[in-house]
Amino acid sequence: MRQYRYCDIKIEFKKNKESEKIEWERKIIEKINRIPMNTLTKDIIEDKKNITIKIISKINRDIDLTRIHETLRKIDKTLKISIAENIK
C-alpha cells in the first residue's frame, strides 16, 4: 500500500482591496506552506469578487485531512474549502 495519497484542495477567498493584497497573499502562502504536504501544482484564479486557489498535493497517509481543513479554515476571509482524495 502507498505511504501517501494525492488530494485536490480548493480554497475560495473574498477579494481584498489592492492596498492589502500583497500582505494578505504573503500570509496565505505562509499558512499553506506550513501544512504537512508536498504541493505538486498551485493555481490562483481571480475574478471580480473572489480569489480561488487550487492545489494538487501529495499528503502522507498518516495525516488526517480534517487537520488540514481546520488549518485552512483559520485563514482570514475564507469562503469555501474543499479537500478531495484522488483514488486511482
C-alpha atoms as a PDB file:
ATOM      1  CA  MET A   1       0.000   0.000   0.000  1.00  0.00           C
ATOM      2  CA  ARG A   2       1.178   3.520  -0.791  1.00  0.00           C
ATOM      3  CA  GLN A   3       2.526   5.695   2.014  1.00  0.00           C
ATOM      4  CA  TYR A   4       0.860   8.814   0.606  1.00  0.00           C
ATOM      5  CA  ARG A   5      -2.280   9.996  -1.211  1.00  0.00           C
ATOM      6  CA  TYR A   6      -2.940  12.630  -3.843  1.00  0.00           C
ATOM      7  CA  CYS A   7      -5.504  15.289  -2.949  1.00  0.00           C
ATOM      8  CA  ASP A   8      -7.215  18.199  -4.679  1.00  0.00           C
ATOM      9  CA  ILE A   9      -7.576  21.211  -2.406  1.00  0.00           C
ATOM     10  CA  LYS A  10      -9.717  24.174  -3.413  1.00  0.00           C
ATOM     11  CA  ILE A  11      -9.870  27.311  -1.261  1.00  0.00           C
ATOM     12  CA  GLU A  12     -12.049  30.303  -2.092  1.00  0.00           C
ATOM     13  CA  PHE A  13     -11.470  33.738  -0.548  1.00  0.00           C
ATOM     14  CA  LYS A  14     -13.188  37.081  -0.623  1.00  0.00           C
ATOM     15  CA  LYS A  15     -11.078  39.502  -2.651  1.00  0.00           C
ATOM     16  CA  ASN A  16      -9.186  42.232  -0.777  1.00  0.00           C
ATOM     17  CA  LYS A  17      -8.509  45.836  -1.630  1.00  0.00           C
ATOM     18  CA  GLU A  18      -5.442  46.293  -3.818  1.00  0.00           C
ATOM     19  CA  SER A  19      -3.560  48.029  -0.984  1.00  0.00           C
ATOM     20  CA  GLU A  20      -3.960  44.970   1.307  1.00  0.00           C
ATOM     21  CA  LYS A  21      -3.443  42.356  -1.391  1.00  0.00           C
ATOM     22  CA  ILE A  22       0.333  41.781  -1.210  1.00  0.00           C
ATOM     23  CA  GLU A  23       0.483  41.359   2.571  1.00  0.00           C
ATOM     24  CA  TRP A  24      -2.612  39.150   2.601  1.00  0.00           C
ATOM     25  CA  GLU A  25      -1.250  36.882  -0.165  1.00  0.00           C
ATOM     26  CA  ARG A  26       2.046  36.530   1.701  1.00  0.00           C
ATOM     27  CA  LYS A  27       0.200  35.398   4.844  1.00  0.00           C
ATOM     28  CA  ILE A  28      -1.867  32.867   2.893  1.00  0.00           C
ATOM     29  CA  ILE A  29       1.174  31.346   1.185  1.00  0.00           C
ATOM     30  CA  GLU A  30       2.930  31.151   4.583  1.00  0.00           C
ATOM     31  CA  LYS A  31      -0.008  29.250   6.112  1.00  0.00           C
ATOM     32  CA  ILE A  32      -0.336  26.909   3.133  1.00  0.00           C
ATOM     33  CA  ASN A  33       3.394  26.146   3.280  1.00  0.00           C
ATOM     34  CA  ARG A  34       3.051  25.123   6.954  1.00  0.00           C
ATOM     35  CA  ILE A  35       0.659  22.322   6.047  1.00  0.00           C
ATOM     36  CA  PRO A  36       2.478  18.960   6.000  1.00  0.00           C
ATOM     37  CA  MET A  37       2.096  18.206   2.276  1.00  0.00           C
ATOM     38  CA  ASN A  38       4.069  18.307  -0.943  1.00  0.00           C
ATOM     39  CA  THR A  39       2.475  20.779  -3.342  1.00  0.00           C
ATOM     40  CA  LEU A  40       2.604  19.481  -6.909  1.00  0.00           C
ATOM     41  CA  THR A  41       0.646  22.280  -8.604  1.00  0.00           C
ATOM     42  CA  LYS A  42      -0.857  25.539  -7.383  1.00  0.00           C
ATOM     43  CA  ASP A  43      -3.195  27.694  -9.492  1.00  0.00           C
ATOM     44  CA  ILE A  44      -4.535  31.076  -8.410  1.00  0.00           C
ATOM     45  CA  ILE A  45      -7.679  32.298 -10.163  1.00  0.00           C
ATOM     46  CA  GLU A  46      -9.064  35.801  -9.592  1.00  0.00           C
ATOM     47  CA  ASP A  47     -12.415  37.230 -10.595  1.00  0.00           C
ATOM     48  CA  LYS A  48     -14.153  40.461  -9.579  1.00  0.00           C
ATOM     49  CA  LYS A  49     -15.273  39.221  -6.151  1.00  0.00           C
ATOM     50  CA  ASN A  50     -13.199  36.161  -5.195  1.00  0.00           C
ATOM     51  CA  ILE A  51      -9.790  34.534  -5.350  1.00  0.00           C
ATOM     52  CA  THR A  52      -9.652  30.754  -5.763  1.00  0.00           C
ATOM     53  CA  ILE A  53      -6.541  28.702  -5.063  1.00  0.00           C
ATOM     54  CA  LYS A  54      -6.467  25.166  -6.476  1.00  0.00           C
ATOM     55  CA  ILE A  55      -3.741  22.860  -5.192  1.00  0.00           C
ATOM     56  CA  ILE A  56      -2.866  19.309  -6.154  1.00  0.00           C
ATOM     57  CA  SER A  57      -0.778  17.819  -3.383  1.00  0.00           C
ATOM     58  CA  LYS A  58       0.794  14.637  -2.110  1.00  0.00           C
ATOM     59  CA  ILE A  59      -0.100  14.051   1.552  1.00  0.00           C
ATOM     60  CA  ASN A  60       1.219  11.370   3.858  1.00  0.00           C
ATOM     61  CA  ARG A  61      -1.458   8.770   4.754  1.00  0.00           C
ATOM     62  CA  ASP A  62      -0.944   9.169   8.498  1.00  0.00           C
ATOM     63  CA  ILE A  63      -2.014  12.840   8.366  1.00  0.00           C
ATOM     64  CA  ASP A  64      -5.714  13.415   8.975  1.00  0.00           C
ATOM     65  CA  LEU A  65      -7.387  15.527   6.269  1.00  0.00           C
ATOM     66  CA  THR A  66      -9.612  17.206   8.885  1.00  0.00           C
ATOM     67  CA  ARG A  67      -6.435  18.650  10.450  1.00  0.00           C
ATOM     68  CA  ILE A  68      -5.555  20.238   7.112  1.00  0.00           C
ATOM     69  CA  HIS A  69      -9.113  21.524   6.727  1.00  0.00           C
ATOM     70  CA  GLU A  70      -9.013  23.157  10.183  1.00  0.00           C
ATOM     71  CA  THR A  71      -5.670  24.826   9.413  1.00  0.00           C
ATOM     72  CA  LEU A  72      -7.046  26.279   6.175  1.00  0.00           C
ATOM     73  CA  ARG A  73     -10.232  27.466   7.896  1.00  0.00           C
ATOM     74  CA  LYS A  74      -8.150  29.765  10.124  1.00  0.00           C
ATOM     75  CA  ILE A  75      -7.079  31.871   7.122  1.00  0.00           C
ATOM     76  CA  ASP A  76      -8.835  35.249   7.007  1.00  0.00           C
ATOM     77  CA  LYS A  77     -11.694  35.810   4.559  1.00  0.00           C
ATOM     78  CA  THR A  78     -12.069  32.124   3.668  1.00  0.00           C
ATOM     79  CA  LEU A  79     -15.404  31.427   1.982  1.00  0.00           C
ATOM     80  CA  LYS A  80     -15.174  27.754   0.934  1.00  0.00           C
ATOM     81  CA  ILE A  81     -12.717  24.899   1.417  1.00  0.00           C
ATOM     82  CA  SER A  82     -12.859  21.500  -0.233  1.00  0.00           C
ATOM     83  CA  ILE A  83     -10.412  18.636   0.022  1.00  0.00           C
ATOM     84  CA  ALA A  84     -10.903  15.574  -2.156  1.00  0.00           C
ATOM     85  CA  GLU A  85      -8.712  12.489  -2.194  1.00  0.00           C
ATOM     86  CA  ASN A  86      -7.916  11.183  -5.664  1.00  0.00           C
ATOM     87  CA  ILE A  87      -8.482   7.449  -5.788  1.00  0.00           C
ATOM     88  CA  LYS A  88      -6.617   5.653  -8.560  1.00  0.00           C
END
